[in-house]
Amino acid sequence: MLVKVQYLGILRAKLRIPERTYEVREGATVSDLLGKLAEIHGDFLKKLFDADRKNILDPSFVITVNGVLVDRLRGFKTRLKNGDTITIMSLISGG
């Protein structure tokens, strides 16, 4: 199934992509997606997601699924559906 990931703030600047569609397995969770993103994009995201320790997100970032904070859903255990939009953004940005 396909999900769209939007990158905002420092992630967009660092990765140089505003959004991208990824294929994930049926029944995948937010945690599964974070692991996949860390594999694809390397050390920067691996450190951000702390993929080696069960995908604990750096507290200066938030993730939404279809506009709802994952904390209000099932956290990293939130199951994804085909066509979902996941947004990863930094809470703090400068100008």
N, C-alpha and C. Protein backbone atom coordinates (compact mmCIF):
# COMPACT_ATOMS: atom_id res chain seq x y z
N MET A 1 0.84 -1.17 0.00
CA MET A 1 0.00 0.00 0.00
C MET A 1 0.88 1.23 0.00
N LEU A 2 0.33 2.36 -0.40
CA LEU A 2 1.10 3.59 -0.52
C LEU A 2 0.65 4.62 0.51
N VAL A 3 1.63 5.28 1.13
CA VAL A 3 1.36 6.38 2.05
C VAL A 3 2.23 7.56 1.62
N LYS A 4 1.72 8.76 1.86
CA LYS A 4 2.48 9.98 1.52
C LYS A 4 3.06 10.55 2.80
N VAL A 5 4.34 10.89 2.75
CA VAL A 5 5.00 11.51 3.89
C VAL A 5 5.38 12.93 3.50
N GLN A 6 4.93 13.88 4.31
CA GLN A 6 5.28 15.29 4.12
C GLN A 6 6.33 15.65 5.15
N TYR A 7 7.37 16.33 4.70
CA TYR A 7 8.44 16.78 5.57
C TYR A 7 8.35 18.30 5.70
N LEU A 8 8.30 18.79 6.92
CA LEU A 8 8.21 20.23 7.15
C LEU A 8 9.37 20.70 8.03
N GLY A 9 9.68 21.99 7.94
CA GLY A 9 10.72 22.58 8.78
C GLY A 9 12.10 22.09 8.42
N ILE A 10 12.89 21.79 9.44
CA ILE A 10 14.28 21.39 9.23
C ILE A 10 14.40 20.11 8.41
N LEU A 11 13.44 19.21 8.54
CA LEU A 11 13.49 17.97 7.75
C LEU A 11 13.43 18.27 6.27
N ARG A 12 12.54 19.16 5.89
CA ARG A 12 12.42 19.52 4.47
C ARG A 12 13.74 20.12 3.97
N ALA A 13 14.32 21.01 4.77
CA ALA A 13 15.58 21.64 4.37
C ALA A 13 16.72 20.62 4.29
N LYS A 14 16.79 19.74 5.25
CA LYS A 14 17.88 18.76 5.30
C LYS A 14 17.76 17.70 4.21
N LEU A 15 16.55 17.19 4.00
CA LEU A 15 16.35 16.13 3.01
C LEU A 15 16.16 16.67 1.59
N ARG A 16 15.77 17.94 1.52
CA ARG A 16 15.52 18.60 0.23
C ARG A 16 14.39 17.95 -0.56
N ILE A 17 13.43 17.43 0.17
CA ILE A 17 12.20 16.93 -0.47
C ILE A 17 11.01 17.35 0.40
N PRO A 18 10.00 17.98 -0.20
CA PRO A 18 8.84 18.39 0.59
C PRO A 18 7.92 17.22 0.95
N GLU A 19 7.82 16.26 0.04
CA GLU A 19 6.99 15.08 0.32
C GLU A 19 7.39 13.97 -0.64
N ARG A 20 7.00 12.77 -0.23
CA ARG A 20 7.33 11.59 -1.05
C ARG A 20 6.35 10.48 -0.70
N THR A 21 6.05 9.67 -1.67
CA THR A 21 5.18 8.51 -1.45
C THR A 21 6.05 7.28 -1.24
N TYR A 22 5.67 6.48 -0.24
CA TYR A 22 6.42 5.27 0.08
C TYR A 22 5.46 4.07 0.06
N GLU A 23 6.00 2.94 -0.31
CA GLU A 23 5.23 1.71 -0.24
C GLU A 23 5.55 1.03 1.07
N VAL A 24 4.50 0.66 1.80
CA VAL A 24 4.65 -0.08 3.06
C VAL A 24 3.75 -1.30 3.00
N ARG A 25 4.05 -2.26 3.81
CA ARG A 25 3.25 -3.50 3.81
C ARG A 25 1.88 -3.25 4.42
N GLU A 26 0.93 -4.05 4.04
CA GLU A 26 -0.41 -3.99 4.62
C GLU A 26 -0.31 -4.19 6.13
N GLY A 27 -0.98 -3.35 6.90
CA GLY A 27 -0.95 -3.46 8.36
C GLY A 27 0.24 -2.78 9.01
N ALA A 28 1.06 -2.05 8.23
CA ALA A 28 2.23 -1.37 8.78
C ALA A 28 1.80 -0.30 9.78
N THR A 29 2.67 -0.05 10.75
CA THR A 29 2.42 0.97 11.77
C THR A 29 3.31 2.18 11.51
N VAL A 30 3.07 3.24 12.26
CA VAL A 30 3.93 4.42 12.18
C VAL A 30 5.36 4.02 12.52
N SER A 31 5.54 3.16 13.49
CA SER A 31 6.87 2.68 13.86
C SER A 31 7.55 1.99 12.68
N ASP A 32 6.81 1.15 11.96
CA ASP A 32 7.37 0.48 10.78
C ASP A 32 7.82 1.50 9.75
N LEU A 33 6.99 2.51 9.53
CA LEU A 33 7.31 3.55 8.57
C LEU A 33 8.57 4.31 8.98
N LEU A 34 8.68 4.67 10.25
CA LEU A 34 9.86 5.39 10.73
C LEU A 34 11.13 4.57 10.50
N GLY A 35 11.05 3.28 10.75
CA GLY A 35 12.20 2.40 10.50
C GLY A 35 12.59 2.41 9.03
N LYS A 36 11.59 2.36 8.17
CA LYS A 36 11.84 2.37 6.73
C LYS A 36 12.48 3.70 6.31
N LEU A 37 11.96 4.81 6.83
CA LEU A 37 12.51 6.12 6.49
C LEU A 37 13.95 6.25 6.97
N ALA A 38 14.26 5.72 8.14
CA ALA A 38 15.63 5.76 8.66
C ALA A 38 16.56 4.96 7.77
N GLU A 39 16.10 3.81 7.27
CA GLU A 39 16.91 3.01 6.36
C GLU A 39 17.18 3.76 5.06
N ILE A 40 16.15 4.38 4.52
CA ILE A 40 16.26 5.07 3.23
C ILE A 40 17.12 6.32 3.32
N HIS A 41 16.90 7.14 4.36
CA HIS A 41 17.52 8.46 4.43
C HIS A 41 18.74 8.53 5.34
N GLY A 42 19.10 7.44 5.99
CA GLY A 42 20.37 7.37 6.70
C GLY A 42 20.41 7.93 8.10
N ASP A 43 21.64 8.27 8.51
CA ASP A 43 21.94 8.61 9.90
C ASP A 43 21.14 9.77 10.46
N PHE A 44 20.89 10.80 9.65
CA PHE A 44 20.15 11.95 10.17
C PHE A 44 18.79 11.52 10.71
N LEU A 45 18.04 10.77 9.92
CA LEU A 45 16.73 10.33 10.38
C LEU A 45 16.84 9.22 11.42
N LYS A 46 17.85 8.40 11.31
CA LYS A 46 18.03 7.33 12.30
C LYS A 46 18.21 7.93 13.70
N LYS A 47 18.99 8.99 13.78
CA LYS A 47 19.20 9.67 15.07
C LYS A 47 17.93 10.36 15.54
N LEU A 48 17.23 10.99 14.61
CA LEU A 48 16.00 11.70 14.93
C LEU A 48 14.95 10.74 15.48
N PHE A 49 14.81 9.61 14.82
CA PHE A 49 13.79 8.63 15.23
C PHE A 49 14.31 7.67 16.29
N ASP A 50 15.63 7.67 16.51
CA ASP A 50 16.24 6.74 17.45
C ASP A 50 15.78 5.33 17.12
N ALA A 51 15.92 4.98 15.85
CA ALA A 51 15.40 3.72 15.33
C ALA A 51 15.96 2.49 16.04
N ASP A 52 17.14 2.63 16.62
CA ASP A 52 17.73 1.49 17.32
C ASP A 52 17.08 1.25 18.68
N ARG A 53 16.28 2.21 19.13
CA ARG A 53 15.61 2.06 20.43
C ARG A 53 14.10 2.21 20.28
N LYS A 54 13.53 1.45 19.38
CA LYS A 54 12.07 1.36 19.21
C LYS A 54 11.43 2.67 18.75
N ASN A 55 12.12 3.40 17.91
CA ASN A 55 11.55 4.59 17.27
C ASN A 55 10.98 5.61 18.25
N ILE A 56 11.79 6.04 19.18
CA ILE A 56 11.38 7.11 20.08
C ILE A 56 11.74 8.42 19.39
N LEU A 57 10.76 9.22 19.07
CA LEU A 57 10.97 10.45 18.32
C LEU A 57 11.59 11.53 19.19
N ASP A 58 12.55 12.24 18.61
CA ASP A 58 13.12 13.41 19.27
C ASP A 58 11.97 14.32 19.70
N PRO A 59 11.95 14.80 20.94
CA PRO A 59 10.81 15.58 21.44
C PRO A 59 10.59 16.92 20.75
N SER A 60 11.52 17.36 19.92
CA SER A 60 11.32 18.62 19.21
C SER A 60 10.61 18.42 17.87
N PHE A 61 10.13 17.20 17.62
CA PHE A 61 9.40 16.88 16.40
C PHE A 61 8.05 16.25 16.73
N VAL A 62 7.11 16.41 15.83
CA VAL A 62 5.80 15.77 15.97
C VAL A 62 5.44 15.09 14.66
N ILE A 63 4.57 14.10 14.79
CA ILE A 63 4.08 13.35 13.63
C ILE A 63 2.57 13.35 13.66
N THR A 64 1.97 13.60 12.50
CA THR A 64 0.52 13.48 12.38
C THR A 64 0.20 12.45 11.31
N VAL A 65 -0.96 11.82 11.48
CA VAL A 65 -1.51 10.94 10.45
C VAL A 65 -2.85 11.54 10.06
N ASN A 66 -2.94 11.95 8.82
CA ASN A 66 -4.14 12.61 8.31
C ASN A 66 -4.55 13.80 9.18
N GLY A 67 -3.54 14.55 9.66
CA GLY A 67 -3.79 15.76 10.42
C GLY A 67 -4.01 15.57 11.91
N VAL A 68 -3.95 14.34 12.40
CA VAL A 68 -4.15 14.05 13.82
C VAL A 68 -2.83 13.62 14.44
N LEU A 69 -2.45 14.27 15.55
CA LEU A 69 -1.21 13.88 16.23
C LEU A 69 -1.24 12.39 16.59
N VAL A 70 -0.12 11.70 16.36
CA VAL A 70 -0.09 10.27 16.67
C VAL A 70 -0.32 10.01 18.15
N ASP A 71 0.05 10.99 18.99
CA ASP A 71 -0.19 10.84 20.43
C ASP A 71 -1.68 10.73 20.75
N ARG A 72 -2.51 11.28 19.89
CA ARG A 72 -3.97 11.22 20.09
C ARG A 72 -4.56 9.95 19.48
N LEU A 73 -3.74 9.22 18.76
CA LEU A 73 -4.18 7.96 18.16
C LEU A 73 -3.60 6.82 19.02
N ARG A 74 -2.87 5.93 18.40
CA ARG A 74 -2.23 4.84 19.15
C ARG A 74 -0.72 5.00 19.18
N GLY A 75 -0.26 6.24 19.09
CA GLY A 75 1.18 6.49 19.11
C GLY A 75 1.86 5.81 17.93
N PHE A 76 3.04 5.26 18.17
CA PHE A 76 3.79 4.61 17.11
C PHE A 76 3.16 3.29 16.67
N LYS A 77 2.18 2.82 17.42
CA LYS A 77 1.46 1.59 17.05
C LYS A 77 0.28 1.87 16.12
N THR A 78 0.08 3.14 15.77
CA THR A 78 -1.02 3.51 14.88
C THR A 78 -0.85 2.80 13.55
N ARG A 79 -1.86 2.06 13.15
CA ARG A 79 -1.83 1.34 11.86
C ARG A 79 -2.12 2.31 10.73
N LEU A 80 -1.36 2.15 9.67
CA LEU A 80 -1.53 2.99 8.50
C LEU A 80 -2.46 2.33 7.49
N LYS A 81 -3.12 3.17 6.70
CA LYS A 81 -4.01 2.68 5.65
C LYS A 81 -3.54 3.25 4.31
N ASN A 82 -3.89 2.57 3.26
CA ASN A 82 -3.54 3.03 1.92
C ASN A 82 -4.06 4.47 1.73
N GLY A 83 -3.18 5.34 1.25
CA GLY A 83 -3.56 6.72 1.00
C GLY A 83 -3.39 7.67 2.17
N ASP A 84 -2.97 7.18 3.34
CA ASP A 84 -2.75 8.06 4.48
C ASP A 84 -1.67 9.08 4.18
N THR A 85 -1.79 10.25 4.81
CA THR A 85 -0.77 11.29 4.73
C THR A 85 -0.14 11.45 6.10
N ILE A 86 1.14 11.22 6.18
CA ILE A 86 1.90 11.34 7.42
C ILE A 86 2.77 12.59 7.31
N THR A 87 2.66 13.47 8.29
CA THR A 87 3.46 14.69 8.29
C THR A 87 4.42 14.64 9.46
N ILE A 88 5.70 14.91 9.17
CA ILE A 88 6.73 14.95 10.20
C ILE A 88 7.27 16.37 10.21
N MET A 89 7.19 17.02 11.36
CA MET A 89 7.60 18.43 11.42
C MET A 89 8.30 18.76 12.72
N SER A 90 9.14 19.78 12.63
CA SER A 90 9.80 20.28 13.84
C SER A 90 8.87 21.27 14.52
N LEU A 91 8.89 21.28 15.83
CA LEU A 91 8.07 22.22 16.59
C LEU A 91 8.64 23.62 16.55
N ILE A 92 9.95 23.71 16.42
CA ILE A 92 10.62 25.00 16.46
C ILE A 92 11.24 25.28 15.10
N SER A 93 11.00 26.47 14.61
CA SER A 93 11.67 26.88 13.38
C SER A 93 12.06 28.35 13.51
N GLY A 94 13.14 28.67 12.88
CA GLY A 94 13.65 30.04 12.99
C GLY A 94 13.32 30.85 11.75
N GLY A 95 13.57 32.11 11.81
CA GLY A 95 13.28 32.94 10.65
C GLY A 95 14.23 34.08 10.53
